[in-house]
C-alpha atoms as a PDB file:
ATOM      1  CA  MET A   1     172.098 172.255 114.124  1.00  0.00           C
ATOM      2  CA  VAL A   2     175.824 172.014 112.689  1.00  0.00           C
ATOM      3  CA  TYR A   3     176.514 169.781 116.132  1.00  0.00           C
ATOM      4  CA  LEU A   4     173.950 167.488 115.002  1.00  0.00           C
ATOM      5  CA  LYS A   5     175.253 167.623 111.285  1.00  0.00           C
ATOM      6  CA  LEU A   6     179.093 167.147 112.609  1.00  0.00           C
ATOM      7  CA  VAL A   7     177.728 163.447 114.004  1.00  0.00           C
ATOM      8  CA  ARG A   8     175.888 162.265 111.920  1.00  0.00           C
ATOM      9  CA  TRP A   9     173.015 162.107 113.958  1.00  0.00           C
ATOM     10  CA  LYS A  10     170.471 160.268 111.190  1.00  0.00           C
ATOM     11  CA  ASN A  11     173.102 157.250 111.213  1.00  0.00           C
ATOM     12  CA  LEU A  12     173.618 157.690 115.374  1.00  0.00           C
ATOM     13  CA  ILE A  13     169.622 156.546 115.539  1.00  0.00           C
ATOM     14  CA  ILE A  14     170.078 153.954 112.922  1.00  0.00           C
ATOM     15  CA  ILE A  15     172.642 152.741 115.805  1.00  0.00           C
ATOM     16  CA  VAL A  16     170.283 152.887 118.334  1.00  0.00           C
ATOM     17  CA  PHE A  17     167.790 151.210 116.947  1.00  0.00           C
ATOM     18  CA  THR A  18     169.534 148.234 115.738  1.00  0.00           C
ATOM     19  CA  GLN A  19     170.782 147.894 119.148  1.00  0.00           C
ATOM     20  CA  VAL A  20     166.897 148.164 120.632  1.00  0.00           C
ATOM     21  CA  LEU A  21     165.818 146.177 118.434  1.00  0.00           C
ATOM     22  CA  LEU A  22     168.489 143.687 119.180  1.00  0.00           C
ATOM     23  CA  LYS A  23     167.795 143.388 122.669  1.00  0.00           C
ATOM     24  CA  TYR A  24     163.815 143.532 122.931  1.00  0.00           C
ATOM     25  CA  PHE A  25     163.340 141.596 119.718  1.00  0.00           C
ATOM     26  CA  ILE A  26     165.422 138.588 119.945  1.00  0.00           C
ATOM     27  CA  ILE A  27     167.716 138.432 123.473  1.00  0.00           C
ATOM     28  CA  ASP A  28     164.790 139.494 126.013  1.00  0.00           C
ATOM     29  CA  PRO A  29     162.665 137.025 124.400  1.00  0.00           C
ATOM     30  CA  LEU A  30     164.944 134.390 123.822  1.00  0.00           C
ATOM     31  CA  MET A  31     165.879 134.887 127.713  1.00  0.00           C
ATOM     32  CA  VAL A  32     162.440 134.614 128.501  1.00  0.00           C
ATOM     33  CA  SER A  33     161.731 131.714 126.992  1.00  0.00           C
ATOM     34  CA  HIS A  34     164.590 129.697 128.130  1.00  0.00           C
ATOM     35  CA  GLY A  35     163.266 130.654 131.826  1.00  0.00           C
ATOM     36  CA  ILE A  36     165.779 133.615 131.936  1.00  0.00           C
ATOM     37  CA  ASN A  37     163.990 136.637 133.316  1.00  0.00           C
ATOM     38  CA  GLU A  38     166.942 138.863 134.987  1.00  0.00           C
ATOM     39  CA  THR A  39     168.256 140.320 131.361  1.00  0.00           C
ATOM     40  CA  LEU A  40     169.903 143.579 131.039  1.00  0.00           C
ATOM     41  CA  PRO A  41     168.078 146.092 133.052  1.00  0.00           C
ATOM     42  CA  GLY A  42     166.716 148.924 130.631  1.00  0.00           C
ATOM     43  CA  TRP A  43     168.739 151.953 132.289  1.00  0.00           C
ATOM     44  CA  VAL A  44     171.970 149.782 131.620  1.00  0.00           C
ATOM     45  CA  PHE A  45     171.231 149.323 128.606  1.00  0.00           C
ATOM     46  CA  GLY A  46     170.640 152.860 127.812  1.00  0.00           C
ATOM     47  CA  LEU A  47     173.987 153.501 129.243  1.00  0.00           C
ATOM     48  CA  LEU A  48     175.598 151.136 127.083  1.00  0.00           C
ATOM     49  CA  SER A  49     174.043 152.882 123.741  1.00  0.00           C
ATOM     50  CA  LEU A  50     174.610 156.086 125.038  1.00  0.00           C
ATOM     51  CA  SER A  51     178.409 155.082 125.619  1.00  0.00           C
ATOM     52  CA  THR A  52     178.372 153.791 121.730  1.00  0.00           C
ATOM     53  CA  ILE A  53     176.244 156.576 120.474  1.00  0.00           C
ATOM     54  CA  LEU A  54     178.735 159.520 121.978  1.00  0.00           C
ATOM     55  CA  ILE A  55     181.985 157.242 120.866  1.00  0.00           C
ATOM     56  CA  ALA A  56     180.764 156.686 117.102  1.00  0.00           C
ATOM     57  CA  GLY A  57     179.698 160.642 117.198  1.00  0.00           C
ATOM     58  CA  GLY A  58     183.261 161.803 117.814  1.00  0.00           C
ATOM     59  CA  GLY A  59     184.285 159.602 115.166  1.00  0.00           C
ATOM     60  CA  TYR A  60     182.327 161.236 112.717  1.00  0.00           C
ATOM     61  CA  VAL A  61     183.659 164.847 113.959  1.00  0.00           C
ATOM     62  CA  ILE A  62     187.551 163.889 114.526  1.00  0.00           C
ATOM     63  CA  ASN A  63     187.339 161.946 110.506  1.00  0.00           C
ATOM     64  CA  ASP A  64     185.850 165.952 109.418  1.00  0.00           C
ATOM     65  CA  VAL A  65     188.541 166.817 111.030  1.00  0.00           C
ATOM     66  CA  PHE A  66     191.473 165.082 109.416  1.00  0.00           C
ATOM     67  CA  ASP A  67     189.285 165.276 106.112  1.00  0.00           C
ATOM     68  CA  VAL A  68     189.184 168.987 105.957  1.00  0.00           C
ATOM     69  CA  LYS A  69     190.956 169.419 102.639  1.00  0.00           C
ATOM     70  CA  ILE A  70     189.636 166.476 100.853  1.00  0.00           C
ATOM     71  CA  ASP A  71     185.919 167.062 101.758  1.00  0.00           C
ATOM     72  CA  GLN A  72     186.640 170.020  99.670  1.00  0.00           C
ATOM     73  CA  VAL A  73     187.129 168.290  96.638  1.00  0.00           C
ATOM     74  CA  ASN A  74     184.992 165.420  97.367  1.00  0.00           C
ATOM     75  CA  LYS A  75     182.258 166.547  99.315  1.00  0.00           C
ATOM     76  CA  PRO A  76     182.533 170.208  98.508  1.00  0.00           C
ATOM     77  CA  ALA A  77     178.125 170.880  99.888  1.00  0.00           C
ATOM     78  CA  ASP A  78     178.252 168.779 102.415  1.00  0.00           C
ATOM     79  CA  LYS A  79     181.714 170.357 104.497  1.00  0.00           C
ATOM     80  CA  MET A  80     181.059 171.058 107.926  1.00  0.00           C
ATOM     81  CA  VAL A  81     184.755 171.759 109.488  1.00  0.00           C
ATOM     82  CA  GLY A  82     186.276 175.136 108.301  1.00  0.00           C
ATOM     83  CA  LYS A  83     183.133 176.275 106.733  1.00  0.00           C
ATOM     84  CA  TYR A  84     180.560 176.308 109.765  1.00  0.00           C
ATOM     85  CA  ILE A  85     182.468 174.856 112.706  1.00  0.00           C
ATOM     86  CA  SER A  86     186.466 175.865 113.549  1.00  0.00           C
ATOM     87  CA  ALA A  87     188.578 173.177 113.419  1.00  0.00           C
ATOM     88  CA  THR A  88     189.288 173.700 117.263  1.00  0.00           C
ATOM     89  CA  LYS A  89     186.222 173.645 118.008  1.00  0.00           C
ATOM     90  CA  ALA A  90     185.718 170.673 115.915  1.00  0.00           C
ATOM     91  CA  GLU A  91     188.641 168.759 117.955  1.00  0.00           C
ATOM     92  CA  ASN A  92     187.231 169.608 121.195  1.00  0.00           C
ATOM     93  CA  PHE A  93     184.021 168.183 120.533  1.00  0.00           C
ATOM     94  CA  TYR A  94     185.374 165.360 119.481  1.00  0.00           C
ATOM     95  CA  TRP A  95     187.292 165.074 122.835  1.00  0.00           C
ATOM     96  CA  THR A  96     184.531 165.819 124.811  1.00  0.00           C
ATOM     97  CA  LEU A  97     181.912 163.351 123.326  1.00  0.00           C
ATOM     98  CA  THR A  98     184.980 160.596 123.592  1.00  0.00           C
ATOM     99  CA  ALA A  99     185.494 161.256 126.949  1.00  0.00           C
ATOM    100  CA  ALA A 100     181.758 161.150 127.817  1.00  0.00           C
ATOM    101  CA  GLY A 101     181.502 158.247 126.375  1.00  0.00           C
ATOM    102  CA  ILE A 102     185.237 156.239 127.966  1.00  0.00           C
ATOM    103  CA  LEU A 103     183.270 156.805 131.209  1.00  0.00           C
ATOM    104  CA  THR A 104     179.615 156.034 130.262  1.00  0.00           C
ATOM    105  CA  GLY A 105     181.668 152.751 128.974  1.00  0.00           C
ATOM    106  CA  PHE A 106     183.452 152.505 132.311  1.00  0.00           C
ATOM    107  CA  MET A 107     179.972 153.082 133.935  1.00  0.00           C
ATOM    108  CA  ALA A 108     178.605 150.532 132.678  1.00  0.00           C
ATOM    109  CA  GLY A 109     181.180 147.753 133.183  1.00  0.00           C
ATOM    110  CA  VAL A 110     181.034 148.435 136.947  1.00  0.00           C
ATOM    111  CA  ILE A 111     177.639 147.540 136.884  1.00  0.00           C
ATOM    112  CA  ILE A 112     177.386 144.162 134.908  1.00  0.00           C
ATOM    113  CA  ASP A 113     180.489 143.641 137.239  1.00  0.00           C
ATOM    114  CA  TYR A 114     183.199 142.885 134.247  1.00  0.00           C
ATOM    115  CA  ILE A 115     185.202 146.810 134.716  1.00  0.00           C
ATOM    116  CA  ASN A 116     186.933 145.308 131.716  1.00  0.00           C
ATOM    117  CA  PHE A 117     184.274 146.014 129.144  1.00  0.00           C
ATOM    118  CA  VAL A 118     185.455 149.763 128.992  1.00  0.00           C
ATOM    119  CA  PHE A 119     188.494 148.587 127.333  1.00  0.00           C
ATOM    120  CA  ILE A 120     186.343 147.615 124.293  1.00  0.00           C
ATOM    121  CA  TYR A 121     185.130 151.395 124.221  1.00  0.00           C
ATOM    122  CA  ILE A 122     189.196 152.729 124.115  1.00  0.00           C
ATOM    123  CA  LEU A 123     190.342 150.345 121.821  1.00  0.00           C
ATOM    124  CA  THR A 124     187.038 151.422 119.542  1.00  0.00           C
ATOM    125  CA  ALA A 125     187.909 155.169 120.031  1.00  0.00           C
ATOM    126  CA  LEU A 126     191.723 154.406 119.336  1.00  0.00           C
ATOM    127  CA  LEU A 127     190.402 152.311 116.596  1.00  0.00           C
ATOM    128  CA  LEU A 128     188.245 155.649 114.995  1.00  0.00           C
ATOM    129  CA  TRP A 129     191.186 157.972 115.385  1.00  0.00           C
ATOM    130  CA  PHE A 130     193.714 155.959 113.299  1.00  0.00           C
ATOM    131  CA  TYR A 131     190.964 155.327 110.964  1.00  0.00           C
ATOM    132  CA  SER A 132     190.865 158.576 110.775  1.00  0.00           C
ATOM    133  CA  SER A 133     194.573 159.674 110.415  1.00  0.00           C
ATOM    134  CA  SER A 134     196.094 157.283 108.610  1.00  0.00           C
ATOM    135  CA  LEU A 135     194.050 153.187 107.936  1.00  0.00           C
ATOM    136  CA  LYS A 136     191.597 155.126 105.875  1.00  0.00           C
ATOM    137  CA  LYS A 137     194.131 155.933 103.147  1.00  0.00           C
ATOM    138  CA  LEU A 138     195.537 152.504 103.559  1.00  0.00           C
ATOM    139  CA  PRO A 139     193.608 149.726 100.798  1.00  0.00           C
ATOM    140  CA  VAL A 140     191.179 147.149 102.389  1.00  0.00           C
ATOM    141  CA  VAL A 141     192.508 147.774 105.824  1.00  0.00           C
ATOM    142  CA  GLY A 142     190.294 151.533 107.097  1.00  0.00           C
ATOM    143  CA  ASN A 143     187.397 149.485 105.389  1.00  0.00           C
ATOM    144  CA  LEU A 144     187.680 146.640 107.512  1.00  0.00           C
ATOM    145  CA  VAL A 145     188.553 149.216 110.496  1.00  0.00           C
ATOM    146  CA  ILE A 146     185.103 150.595 109.952  1.00  0.00           C
ATOM    147  CA  ALA A 147     183.601 147.499 109.161  1.00  0.00           C
ATOM    148  CA  PHE A 148     184.238 145.717 112.214  1.00  0.00           C
ATOM    149  CA  LEU A 149     183.665 149.097 114.369  1.00  0.00           C
ATOM    150  CA  SER A 150     179.795 148.685 112.916  1.00  0.00           C
ATOM    151  CA  ALA A 151     179.389 145.092 113.524  1.00  0.00           C
ATOM    152  CA  LEU A 152     180.903 145.439 117.251  1.00  0.00           C
ATOM    153  CA  SER A 153     178.088 148.096 117.945  1.00  0.00           C
ATOM    154  CA  PHE A 154     175.491 145.672 117.272  1.00  0.00           C
ATOM    155  CA  TYR A 155     177.569 142.442 119.460  1.00  0.00           C
ATOM    156  CA  LEU A 156     178.133 144.910 122.015  1.00  0.00           C
ATOM    157  CA  VAL A 157     174.843 144.369 123.308  1.00  0.00           C
ATOM    158  CA  TRP A 158     175.458 140.267 122.803  1.00  0.00           C
ATOM    159  CA  LEU A 159     178.396 140.824 125.120  1.00  0.00           C
ATOM    160  CA  ALA A 160     177.036 142.681 127.686  1.00  0.00           C
ATOM    161  CA  GLU A 161     173.811 140.738 128.263  1.00  0.00           C
ATOM    162  CA  LEU A 162     176.335 137.436 128.403  1.00  0.00           C
ATOM    163  CA  PHE A 163     179.016 139.080 131.623  1.00  0.00           C
ATOM    164  CA  TYR A 164     175.434 140.823 132.891  1.00  0.00           C
ATOM    165  CA  GLY A 165     173.907 137.175 133.278  1.00  0.00           C
ATOM    166  CA  ASN A 166     177.334 135.485 133.977  1.00  0.00           C
ATOM    167  CA  PHE A 167     177.060 133.117 131.156  1.00  0.00           C
ATOM    168  CA  LEU A 168     180.472 133.280 130.376  1.00  0.00           C
ATOM    169  CA  SER A 169     181.605 131.641 133.698  1.00  0.00           C
ATOM    170  CA  GLY A 170     178.477 130.404 135.222  1.00  0.00           C
ATOM    171  CA  PRO A 171     176.427 127.278 135.302  1.00  0.00           C
ATOM    172  CA  TYR A 172     174.125 128.518 132.378  1.00  0.00           C
ATOM    173  CA  ASP A 173     174.326 128.862 129.109  1.00  0.00           C
ATOM    174  CA  ALA A 174     173.238 130.827 127.032  1.00  0.00           C
ATOM    175  CA  PRO A 175     170.284 130.516 124.316  1.00  0.00           C
ATOM    176  CA  VAL A 176     171.693 128.455 121.287  1.00  0.00           C
ATOM    177  CA  ILE A 177     169.482 130.110 118.824  1.00  0.00           C
ATOM    178  CA  GLY A 178     169.963 133.774 120.264  1.00  0.00           C
ATOM    179  CA  SER A 179     173.637 132.885 119.442  1.00  0.00           C
ATOM    180  CA  ILE A 180     173.210 131.790 116.342  1.00  0.00           C
ATOM    181  CA  LEU A 181     170.782 135.115 115.337  1.00  0.00           C
ATOM    182  CA  VAL A 182     172.944 137.616 116.919  1.00  0.00           C
ATOM    183  CA  TRP A 183     176.414 136.011 115.228  1.00  0.00           C
ATOM    184  CA  GLY A 184     174.288 135.636 111.536  1.00  0.00           C
ATOM    185  CA  TYR A 185     173.218 139.804 112.406  1.00  0.00           C
ATOM    186  CA  THR A 186     176.945 140.480 112.956  1.00  0.00           C
ATOM    187  CA  ALA A 187     178.030 138.786 110.199  1.00  0.00           C
ATOM    188  CA  PHE A 188     175.729 140.456 107.877  1.00  0.00           C
ATOM    189  CA  ALA A 189     176.541 143.719 109.370  1.00  0.00           C
ATOM    190  CA  PHE A 190     180.207 143.431 108.758  1.00  0.00           C
ATOM    191  CA  ILE A 191     179.705 142.588 105.315  1.00  0.00           C
ATOM    192  CA  ILE A 192     177.635 144.888 104.138  1.00  0.00           C
ATOM    193  CA  ASN A 193     179.521 147.727 105.273  1.00  0.00           C
ATOM    194  CA  ILE A 194     182.896 146.511 104.129  1.00  0.00           C
ATOM    195  CA  LEU A 195     180.538 146.549 100.648  1.00  0.00           C
ATOM    196  CA  ARG A 196     179.500 150.162 101.540  1.00  0.00           C
ATOM    197  CA  GLU A 197     182.911 151.871 102.451  1.00  0.00           C
ATOM    198  CA  ILE A 198     184.139 150.084  98.962  1.00  0.00           C
ATOM    199  CA  ILE A 199     182.035 151.658  97.283  1.00  0.00           C
ATOM    200  CA  LYS A 200     182.139 154.775  99.279  1.00  0.00           C
ATOM    201  CA  ASP A 201     185.997 154.764  98.186  1.00  0.00           C
ATOM    202  CA  ILE A 202     185.154 154.425  94.574  1.00  0.00           C
ATOM    203  CA  GLU A 203     182.548 158.034  95.054  1.00  0.00           C
ATOM    204  CA  ASP A 204     185.475 159.895  96.819  1.00  0.00           C
ATOM    205  CA  LEU A 205     188.293 158.675  94.168  1.00  0.00           C
ATOM    206  CA  GLU A 206     188.940 162.094  92.714  1.00  0.00           C
ATOM    207  CA  GLY A 207     189.971 163.362  96.257  1.00  0.00           C
ATOM    208  CA  ASP A 208     191.650 160.604  97.575  1.00  0.00           C
ATOM    209  CA  LYS A 209     194.087 160.424  94.500  1.00  0.00           C
ATOM    210  CA  TYR A 210     194.786 164.114  94.192  1.00  0.00           C
ATOM    211  CA  PHE A 211     195.304 164.098  98.761  1.00  0.00           C
ATOM    212  CA  GLY A 212     197.772 160.822  98.451  1.00  0.00           C
ATOM    213  CA  GLY A 213     194.893 158.127  99.802  1.00  0.00           C
ATOM    214  CA  ARG A 214     195.817 154.722  98.452  1.00  0.00           C
ATOM    215  CA  THR A 215     192.031 153.102  98.664  1.00  0.00           C
ATOM    216  CA  LEU A 216     191.485 149.951  96.161  1.00  0.00           C
ATOM    217  CA  PRO A 217     190.153 152.312  93.318  1.00  0.00           C
ATOM    218  CA  VAL A 218     193.600 154.174  93.667  1.00  0.00           C
ATOM    219  CA  ILE A 219     195.427 151.342  93.279  1.00  0.00           C
ATOM    220  CA  ILE A 220     193.974 148.878  90.962  1.00  0.00           C
ATOM    221  CA  GLY A 221     191.081 151.546  89.308  1.00  0.00           C
ATOM    222  CA  VAL A 222     187.306 151.680  89.705  1.00  0.00           C
ATOM    223  CA  GLN A 223     186.610 148.818  87.286  1.00  0.00           C
ATOM    224  CA  ALA A 224     188.665 146.133  89.249  1.00  0.00           C
ATOM    225  CA  THR A 225     187.109 147.715  92.319  1.00  0.00           C
ATOM    226  CA  ARG A 226     183.790 147.535  91.472  1.00  0.00           C
ATOM    227  CA  TYR A 227     184.115 143.932  90.444  1.00  0.00           C
ATOM    228  CA  ILE A 228     185.052 143.575  94.184  1.00  0.00           C
ATOM    229  CA  ALA A 229     182.478 145.293  95.008  1.00  0.00           C
ATOM    230  CA  ILE A 230     179.788 143.209  92.812  1.00  0.00           C
ATOM    231  CA  GLY A 231     181.660 140.010  94.124  1.00  0.00           C
ATOM    232  CA  ILE A 232     180.597 141.020  97.413  1.00  0.00           C
ATOM    233  CA  ALA A 233     177.443 141.811  97.010  1.00  0.00           C
ATOM    234  CA  VAL A 234     176.793 138.084  95.521  1.00  0.00           C
ATOM    235  CA  PHE A 235     178.096 136.938  98.715  1.00  0.00           C
ATOM    236  CA  VAL A 236     175.967 138.592 100.737  1.00  0.00           C
ATOM    237  CA  PHE A 237     172.993 137.335  98.720  1.00  0.00           C
ATOM    238  CA  LEU A 238     174.006 133.767  98.566  1.00  0.00           C
ATOM    239  CA  MET A 239     174.274 133.948 102.872  1.00  0.00           C
ATOM    240  CA  SER A 240     170.606 135.585 102.655  1.00  0.00           C
ATOM    241  CA  ILE A 241     169.917 132.044 100.598  1.00  0.00           C
ATOM    242  CA  GLY A 242     172.461 129.728 103.012  1.00  0.00           C
ATOM    243  CA  ALA A 243     169.848 131.441 105.621  1.00  0.00           C
ATOM    244  CA  GLN A 244     166.558 131.025 103.806  1.00  0.00           C
ATOM    245  CA  TYR A 245     167.202 127.462 103.392  1.00  0.00           C
ATOM    246  CA  LEU A 246     167.169 126.947 107.728  1.00  0.00           C
ATOM    247  CA  MET A 247     163.917 129.052 107.318  1.00  0.00           C
ATOM    248  CA  GLY A 248     162.773 126.472 105.177  1.00  0.00           C
ATOM    249  CA  ILE A 249     163.260 123.982 107.333  1.00  0.00           C
ATOM    250  CA  ALA A 250     162.200 125.553 110.152  1.00  0.00           C
ATOM    251  CA  GLY A 251     159.522 126.973 108.831  1.00  0.00           C
ATOM    252  CA  TRP A 252     159.752 130.415 108.741  1.00  0.00           C
ATOM    253  CA  TYR A 253     157.965 131.447 105.937  1.00  0.00           C
ATOM    254  CA  VAL A 254     157.270 134.853 106.408  1.00  0.00           C
ATOM    255  CA  MET A 255     160.852 135.764 107.494  1.00  0.00           C
ATOM    256  CA  PHE A 256     161.745 133.624 104.399  1.00  0.00           C
ATOM    257  CA  GLY A 257     159.479 136.264 102.017  1.00  0.00           C
ATOM    258  CA  TYR A 258     160.416 138.890 104.113  1.00  0.00           C
ATOM    259  CA  PHE A 259     164.528 138.110 102.841  1.00  0.00           C
ATOM    260  CA  VAL A 260     163.400 137.504  99.076  1.00  0.00           C
ATOM    261  CA  ILE A 261     161.243 141.299  98.977  1.00  0.00           C
ATOM    262  CA  LEU A 262     163.169 143.692 101.220  1.00  0.00           C
ATOM    263  CA  ILE A 263     166.713 141.864 101.241  1.00  0.00           C
ATOM    264  CA  GLN A 264     167.555 139.879  97.798  1.00  0.00           C
ATOM    265  CA  LEU A 265     165.377 141.951  95.850  1.00  0.00           C
ATOM    266  CA  PRO A 266     167.477 145.155  96.412  1.00  0.00           C
ATOM    267  CA  LEU A 267     170.825 143.312  95.671  1.00  0.00           C
ATOM    268  CA  VAL A 268     169.917 142.307  92.662  1.00  0.00           C
ATOM    269  CA  ILE A 269     168.848 146.023  91.809  1.00  0.00           C
ATOM    270  CA  LEU A 270     171.933 147.189  93.336  1.00  0.00           C
ATOM    271  CA  MET A 271     174.295 144.510  91.496  1.00  0.00           C
ATOM    272  CA  ILE A 272     172.475 145.526  88.261  1.00  0.00           C
ATOM    273  CA  ILE A 273     173.363 149.297  88.896  1.00  0.00           C
ATOM    274  CA  LEU A 274     176.717 149.162  90.009  1.00  0.00           C
ATOM    275  CA  SER A 275     177.546 146.980  87.107  1.00  0.00           C
ATOM    276  CA  LYS A 276     176.382 149.843  84.636  1.00  0.00           C
ATOM    277  CA  ALA A 277     177.618 153.273  87.131  1.00  0.00           C
ATOM    278  CA  GLY A 278     180.290 155.398  85.411  1.00  0.00           C
ATOM    279  CA  GLN A 279     179.522 158.352  87.273  1.00  0.00           C
ATOM    280  CA  LYS A 280     179.638 160.117  91.069  1.00  0.00           C
ATOM    281  CA  ARG A 281     176.226 160.292  91.761  1.00  0.00           C
ATOM    282  CA  HIS A 282     175.419 156.938  90.740  1.00  0.00           C
ATOM    283  CA  PHE A 283     177.805 155.679  92.760  1.00  0.00           C
ATOM    284  CA  ASP A 284     176.759 158.062  95.557  1.00  0.00           C
ATOM    285  CA  ASN A 285     173.391 156.377  95.006  1.00  0.00           C
ATOM    286  CA  ILE A 286     174.408 152.777  95.236  1.00  0.00           C
ATOM    287  CA  THR A 287     175.975 153.758  98.384  1.00  0.00           C
ATOM    288  CA  LYS A 288     172.793 154.846  99.794  1.00  0.00           C
ATOM    289  CA  LEU A 289     171.042 151.621  98.322  1.00  0.00           C
ATOM    290  CA  THR A 290     173.605 149.660 100.267  1.00  0.00           C
ATOM    291  CA  LYS A 291     172.653 151.700 103.634  1.00  0.00           C
ATOM    292  CA  LEU A 292     168.957 151.052 102.769  1.00  0.00           C
ATOM    293  CA  VAL A 293     169.542 147.250 102.791  1.00  0.00           C
ATOM    294  CA  MET A 294     171.724 147.303 105.949  1.00  0.00           C
ATOM    295  CA  ILE A 295     168.540 149.027 107.055  1.00  0.00           C
ATOM    296  CA  THR A 296     166.171 146.197 106.079  1.00  0.00           C
ATOM    297  CA  GLY A 297     168.550 143.826 106.832  1.00  0.00           C
ATOM    298  CA  VAL A 298     168.334 145.050 110.908  1.00  0.00           C
ATOM    299  CA  VAL A 299     164.492 145.555 110.974  1.00  0.00           C
ATOM    300  CA  SER A 300     163.835 141.818 109.894  1.00  0.00           C
ATOM    301  CA  MET A 301     164.291 141.336 114.005  1.00  0.00           C
ATOM    302  CA  PRO A 302     160.925 141.766 114.831  1.00  0.00           C
ATOM    303  CA  VAL A 303     159.982 139.379 111.764  1.00  0.00           C
ATOM    304  CA  ALA A 304     163.031 136.740 112.840  1.00  0.00           C
ATOM    305  CA  CYS A 305     161.063 137.173 116.691  1.00  0.00           C
ATOM    306  CA  TYR A 306     158.205 136.226 115.440  1.00  0.00           C
ATOM    307  CA  SER A 307     159.245 133.716 113.181  1.00  0.00           C
ATOM    308  CA  ILE A 308     160.510 132.187 116.746  1.00  0.00           C
ATOM    309  CA  GLY A 309     157.011 132.219 118.331  1.00  0.00           C
ATOM    310  CA  CYS A 310     158.582 135.112 121.251  1.00  0.00           C
ATOM    311  CA  VAL A 311     155.832 137.113 120.513  1.00  0.00           C
END
């Protein structure tokens, strides 16, 4: 159970769930509707997903290894390394997960006939290491790295499909609407994760400041960082309105209503709470609400599939 908590198994389930929804409710139906029946086989997709969660899990572990002292201040009740497992064992677990993830990614690259695909996983593992060791202590940089990697875990499925179907160099074009939807969801994942990471920085201000972190709240203060977070939330809200405009033109009224109830309403609540938050527990609740918006955004994929008419 210690090892499961160490890899944040709930977050890993969300990653897999996101990839499954993307493949089976967006990519495959759209490919078939365009007469492309040979999509990425399920077992190859399984390798790709397995590689993703192995490396992501390793990233969580090494982050806890580097954060032993900071977690003693920020999250003493949730601390794992040094309390339930030694730093040495945790680091060995990290190397095992990362090596297994890169090997699995290499196998997936061989199968989709693009061996360089493995370098995406190597780059991811390197970024997670440097994020944990140094980048997270820098203003904005660490937030951008995590947001980029979160979005990449999403886009990776589409990229693998493009290589497998030879769409990047072959005579066939991938469905345009598929590209638009994938890019839209990827952009959403990127921006909502930036928002979540900035709010987490406010939540972790005490420990970051004590141990020399240079995060936004440490440099410019909580109030200024709060305004930035609200600005990002407003931007996400405006993005959703833009998407709704296109939905109205296309006649996707179910998707339109979904956005109002399960994305825009929680965003408004988030902005109201964020504008009044003053204690650490308030920011912890906002972080959870941000994750909820992220999940509801992802779960909209079956609704998008229904709207397109692919089910």
